[in-house]
């Protein structure tokens, strides 16, 4: 079921190094929300051209 699902993870406190490594292995985009609520990419999958749905 997860093969057909797309998801991402957002955090206001940041992601541990272990979480970033695991997310990279699973191709899960990680984002950090800055104080104004703007998401900033944390790992490679979040930087991918299609991460924003374009």
PDB file of N, CA and C in Angstrom:
ATOM      1  N   UNK A   1       0.809  -1.186   0.000  1.00  0.00           N
ATOM      2  CA  UNK A   1       0.000   0.000   0.000  1.00  0.00           C
ATOM      3  C   UNK A   1       0.862   1.265   0.000  1.00  0.00           C
ATOM      4  N   UNK A   2       1.998   1.232   0.685  1.00  0.00           N
ATOM      5  CA  UNK A   2       2.846   2.423   0.727  1.00  0.00           C
ATOM      6  C   UNK A   2       3.521   2.695  -0.607  1.00  0.00           C
ATOM      7  N   UNK A   3       3.576   1.696  -1.492  1.00  0.00           N
ATOM      8  CA  UNK A   3       4.196   1.914  -2.793  1.00  0.00           C
ATOM      9  C   UNK A   3       3.413   2.914  -3.624  1.00  0.00           C
ATOM     10  N   UNK A   4       2.106   3.016  -3.409  1.00  0.00           N
ATOM     11  CA  UNK A   4       1.301   3.945  -4.195  1.00  0.00           C
ATOM     12  C   UNK A   4       1.042   5.247  -3.453  1.00  0.00           C
ATOM     13  N   UNK A   5       1.548   5.370  -2.236  1.00  0.00           N
ATOM     14  CA  UNK A   5       1.323   6.581  -1.440  1.00  0.00           C
ATOM     15  C   UNK A   5       2.534   7.502  -1.541  1.00  0.00           C
ATOM     16  N   UNK A   6       2.260   8.793  -1.547  1.00  0.00           N
ATOM     17  CA  UNK A   6       3.325   9.793  -1.519  1.00  0.00           C
ATOM     18  C   UNK A   6       3.177  10.581  -0.226  1.00  0.00           C
ATOM     19  N   UNK A   7       4.277  10.818   0.441  1.00  0.00           N
ATOM     20  CA  UNK A   7       4.205  11.564   1.679  1.00  0.00           C
ATOM     21  C   UNK A   7       5.502  12.313   1.906  1.00  0.00           C
ATOM     22  N   UNK A   8       5.493  13.202   2.887  1.00  0.00           N
ATOM     23  CA  UNK A   8       6.665  13.951   3.279  1.00  0.00           C
ATOM     24  C   UNK A   8       6.574  14.189   4.777  1.00  0.00           C
ATOM     25  N   UNK A   9       7.659  14.640   5.377  1.00  0.00           N
ATOM     26  CA  UNK A   9       7.680  14.909   6.810  1.00  0.00           C
ATOM     27  C   UNK A   9       8.080  16.354   7.053  1.00  0.00           C
ATOM     28  N   UNK A  10       7.333  17.004   7.932  1.00  0.00           N
ATOM     29  CA  UNK A  10       7.609  18.379   8.327  1.00  0.00           C
ATOM     30  C   UNK A  10       7.984  18.403   9.801  1.00  0.00           C
ATOM     31  N   UNK A  11       8.867  19.324  10.171  1.00  0.00           N
ATOM     32  CA  UNK A  11       9.262  19.465  11.565  1.00  0.00           C
ATOM     33  C   UNK A  11       9.518  20.932  11.864  1.00  0.00           C
ATOM     34  N   UNK A  12       9.218  21.336  13.084  1.00  0.00           N
ATOM     35  CA  UNK A  12       9.578  22.686  13.521  1.00  0.00           C
ATOM     36  C   UNK A  12      10.841  22.659  14.365  1.00  0.00           C
ATOM     37  N   UNK A  13      11.234  21.468  14.832  1.00  0.00           N
ATOM     38  CA  UNK A  13      12.406  21.328  15.696  1.00  0.00           C
ATOM     39  C   UNK A  13      13.614  20.749  14.969  1.00  0.00           C
ATOM     40  N   UNK A  14      13.421  20.220  13.777  1.00  0.00           N
ATOM     41  CA  UNK A  14      14.518  19.615  13.035  1.00  0.00           C
ATOM     42  C   UNK A  14      14.427  18.104  13.036  1.00  0.00           C
ATOM     43  N   UNK A  15      15.275  17.481  12.248  1.00  0.00           N
ATOM     44  CA  UNK A  15      15.306  16.033  12.104  1.00  0.00           C
ATOM     45  C   UNK A  15      16.677  15.539  12.543  1.00  0.00           C
ATOM     46  N   UNK A  16      16.712  14.408  13.233  1.00  0.00           N
ATOM     47  CA  UNK A  16      17.994  13.836  13.653  1.00  0.00           C
ATOM     48  C   UNK A  16      18.751  13.337  12.424  1.00  0.00           C
ATOM     49  N   UNK A  17      20.038  13.150  12.596  1.00  0.00           N
ATOM     50  CA  UNK A  17      20.861  12.621  11.502  1.00  0.00           C
ATOM     51  C   UNK A  17      20.353  11.237  11.088  1.00  0.00           C
ATOM     52  N   UNK A  18      19.978  10.418  12.058  1.00  0.00           N
ATOM     53  CA  UNK A  18      19.451   9.089  11.757  1.00  0.00           C
ATOM     54  C   UNK A  18      18.172   9.187  10.930  1.00  0.00           C
ATOM     55  N   UNK A  19      17.311  10.124  11.257  1.00  0.00           N
ATOM     56  CA  UNK A  19      16.069  10.308  10.505  1.00  0.00           C
ATOM     57  C   UNK A  19      16.368  10.757   9.077  1.00  0.00           C
ATOM     58  N   UNK A  20      17.348  11.650   8.903  1.00  0.00           N
ATOM     59  CA  UNK A  20      17.702  12.108   7.547  1.00  0.00           C
ATOM     60  C   UNK A  20      18.268  10.956   6.715  1.00  0.00           C
ATOM     61  N   UNK A  21      19.116  10.129   7.326  1.00  0.00           N
ATOM     62  CA  UNK A  21      19.689   8.989   6.608  1.00  0.00           C
ATOM     63  C   UNK A  21      18.593   8.015   6.187  1.00  0.00           C
ATOM     64  N   UNK A  22      17.686   7.709   7.100  1.00  0.00           N
ATOM     65  CA  UNK A  22      16.598   6.760   6.804  1.00  0.00           C
ATOM     66  C   UNK A  22      15.666   7.342   5.747  1.00  0.00           C
ATOM     67  N   UNK A  23      15.351   8.625   5.851  1.00  0.00           N
ATOM     68  CA  UNK A  23      14.474   9.266   4.871  1.00  0.00           C
ATOM     69  C   UNK A  23      15.122   9.256   3.486  1.00  0.00           C
ATOM     70  N   UNK A  24      16.424   9.498   3.419  1.00  0.00           N
ATOM     71  CA  UNK A  24      17.120   9.425   2.131  1.00  0.00           C
ATOM     72  C   UNK A  24      17.019   8.023   1.548  1.00  0.00           C
ATOM     73  N   UNK A  25      17.203   7.006   2.389  1.00  0.00           N
ATOM     74  CA  UNK A  25      17.139   5.621   1.918  1.00  0.00           C
ATOM     75  C   UNK A  25      15.748   5.267   1.408  1.00  0.00           C
ATOM     76  N   UNK A  26      14.730   5.860   2.017  1.00  0.00           N
ATOM     77  CA  UNK A  26      13.344   5.578   1.619  1.00  0.00           C
ATOM     78  C   UNK A  26      12.804   6.592   0.619  1.00  0.00           C
ATOM     79  N   UNK A  27      13.624   7.574   0.238  1.00  0.00           N
ATOM     80  CA  UNK A  27      13.241   8.625  -0.712  1.00  0.00           C
ATOM     81  C   UNK A  27      12.068   9.469  -0.176  1.00  0.00           C
ATOM     82  N   UNK A  28      12.126   9.782   1.115  1.00  0.00           N
ATOM     83  CA  UNK A  28      11.091  10.593   1.762  1.00  0.00           C
ATOM     84  C   UNK A  28      11.614  12.022   1.915  1.00  0.00           C
ATOM     85  N   UNK A  29      10.911  13.012   1.365  1.00  0.00           N
ATOM     86  CA  UNK A  29      11.340  14.405   1.533  1.00  0.00           C
ATOM     87  C   UNK A  29      11.118  14.880   2.969  1.00  0.00           C
ATOM     88  N   UNK A  30      12.140  15.528   3.524  1.00  0.00           N
ATOM     89  CA  UNK A  30      12.045  16.121   4.857  1.00  0.00           C
ATOM     90  C   UNK A  30      12.142  17.637   4.731  1.00  0.00           C
ATOM     91  N   UNK A  31      11.293  18.323   5.472  1.00  0.00           N
ATOM     92  CA  UNK A  31      11.289  19.779   5.470  1.00  0.00           C
ATOM     93  C   UNK A  31      11.318  20.298   6.892  1.00  0.00           C
ATOM     94  N   UNK A  32      11.948  21.435   7.089  1.00  0.00           N
ATOM     95  CA  UNK A  32      11.967  22.138   8.358  1.00  0.00           C
ATOM     96  C   UNK A  32      11.136  23.397   8.177  1.00  0.00           C
ATOM     97  N   UNK A  33      10.171  23.596   9.067  1.00  0.00           N
ATOM     98  CA  UNK A  33       9.364  24.814   9.012  1.00  0.00           C
ATOM     99  C   UNK A  33      10.090  25.908   9.776  1.00  0.00           C
ATOM    100  N   UNK A  34      10.364  27.033   9.103  1.00  0.00           N
ATOM    101  CA  UNK A  34      11.014  28.132   9.800  1.00  0.00           C
ATOM    102  C   UNK A  34       9.974  28.869  10.663  1.00  0.00           C
ATOM    103  N   UNK A  35      10.397  29.831  11.465  1.00  0.00           N
ATOM    104  CA  UNK A  35       9.455  30.511  12.363  1.00  0.00           C
ATOM    105  C   UNK A  35       8.263  31.184  11.664  1.00  0.00           C
ATOM    106  N   UNK A  36       8.415  31.490  10.391  1.00  0.00           N
ATOM    107  CA  UNK A  36       7.298  32.109   9.662  1.00  0.00           C
ATOM    108  C   UNK A  36       6.404  31.072   9.006  1.00  0.00           C
ATOM    109  N   UNK A  37       6.751  29.782   9.136  1.00  0.00           N
ATOM    110  CA  UNK A  37       5.947  28.711   8.558  1.00  0.00           C
ATOM    111  C   UNK A  37       6.344  28.313   7.155  1.00  0.00           C
ATOM    112  N   UNK A  38       7.446  28.847   6.665  1.00  0.00           N
ATOM    113  CA  UNK A  38       7.931  28.507   5.326  1.00  0.00           C
ATOM    114  C   UNK A  38       8.737  27.213   5.401  1.00  0.00           C
ATOM    115  N   UNK A  39       8.370  26.200   4.607  1.00  0.00           N
ATOM    116  CA  UNK A  39       9.128  24.942   4.635  1.00  0.00           C
ATOM    117  C   UNK A  39      10.462  25.074   3.902  1.00  0.00           C
ATOM    118  N   UNK A  40      11.513  24.542   4.500  1.00  0.00           N
ATOM    119  CA  UNK A  40      12.857  24.531   3.906  1.00  0.00           C
ATOM    120  C   UNK A  40      13.279  23.073   3.718  1.00  0.00           C
ATOM    121  N   UNK A  41      13.767  22.707   2.532  1.00  0.00           N
ATOM    122  CA  UNK A  41      14.196  21.325   2.302  1.00  0.00           C
ATOM    123  C   UNK A  41      15.382  20.957   3.188  1.00  0.00           C
ATOM    124  N   UNK A  42      15.381  19.718   3.685  1.00  0.00           N
ATOM    125  CA  UNK A  42      16.442  19.239   4.578  1.00  0.00           C
ATOM    126  C   UNK A  42      17.301  18.171   3.913  1.00  0.00           C
ATOM    127  N   UNK A  43      16.724  17.406   2.988  1.00  0.00           N
ATOM    128  CA  UNK A  43      17.476  16.299   2.391  1.00  0.00           C
ATOM    129  C   UNK A  43      17.312  16.298   0.875  1.00  0.00           C
ATOM    130  N   UNK A  44      17.996  15.366   0.236  1.00  0.00           N
ATOM    131  CA  UNK A  44      17.984  15.268  -1.226  1.00  0.00           C
ATOM    132  C   UNK A  44      16.598  15.131  -1.840  1.00  0.00           C
ATOM    133  N   UNK A  45      15.778  14.211  -1.343  1.00  0.00           N
ATOM    134  CA  UNK A  45      14.439  14.072  -1.935  1.00  0.00           C
ATOM    135  C   UNK A  45      13.604  15.354  -1.841  1.00  0.00           C
ATOM    136  N   UNK A  46      13.840  16.160  -0.817  1.00  0.00           N
ATOM    137  CA  UNK A  46      13.102  17.427  -0.688  1.00  0.00           C
ATOM    138  C   UNK A  46      13.601  18.454  -1.701  1.00  0.00           C
ATOM    139  N   UNK A  47      14.841  18.313  -2.137  1.00  0.00           N
ATOM    140  CA  UNK A  47      15.424  19.225  -3.127  1.00  0.00           C
ATOM    141  C   UNK A  47      15.085  18.815  -4.552  1.00  0.00           C
ATOM    142  N   UNK A  48      14.515  17.634  -4.730  1.00  0.00           N
ATOM    143  CA  UNK A  48      14.208  17.116  -6.067  1.00  0.00           C
ATOM    144  C   UNK A  48      13.248  18.057  -6.796  1.00  0.00           C
ATOM    145  N   UNK A  49      13.405  18.174  -8.114  1.00  0.00           N
ATOM    146  CA  UNK A  49      12.550  19.075  -8.883  1.00  0.00           C
ATOM    147  C   UNK A  49      11.047  18.790  -8.735  1.00  0.00           C
ATOM    148  N   UNK A  50      10.669  17.527  -8.500  1.00  0.00           N
ATOM    149  CA  UNK A  50       9.240  17.213  -8.405  1.00  0.00           C
ATOM    150  C   UNK A  50       8.732  17.249  -6.962  1.00  0.00           C
ATOM    151  N   UNK A  51       9.563  17.653  -5.996  1.00  0.00           N
ATOM    152  CA  UNK A  51       9.151  17.678  -4.594  1.00  0.00           C
ATOM    153  C   UNK A  51       8.016  18.661  -4.352  1.00  0.00           C
ATOM    154  N   UNK A  52       7.919  19.689  -5.206  1.00  0.00           N
ATOM    155  CA  UNK A  52       6.859  20.676  -5.010  1.00  0.00           C
ATOM    156  C   UNK A  52       5.628  20.341  -5.853  1.00  0.00           C
ATOM    157  N   UNK A  53       5.629  19.178  -6.466  1.00  0.00           N
ATOM    158  CA  UNK A  53       4.483  18.739  -7.246  1.00  0.00           C
ATOM    159  C   UNK A  53       4.475  19.252  -8.678  1.00  0.00           C
ATOM    160  N   UNK A  54       5.539  19.935  -9.091  1.00  0.00           N
ATOM    161  CA  UNK A  54       5.600  20.475 -10.447  1.00  0.00           C
ATOM    162  C   UNK A  54       5.929  19.396 -11.463  1.00  0.00           C
TER     163      UNK A  54
END
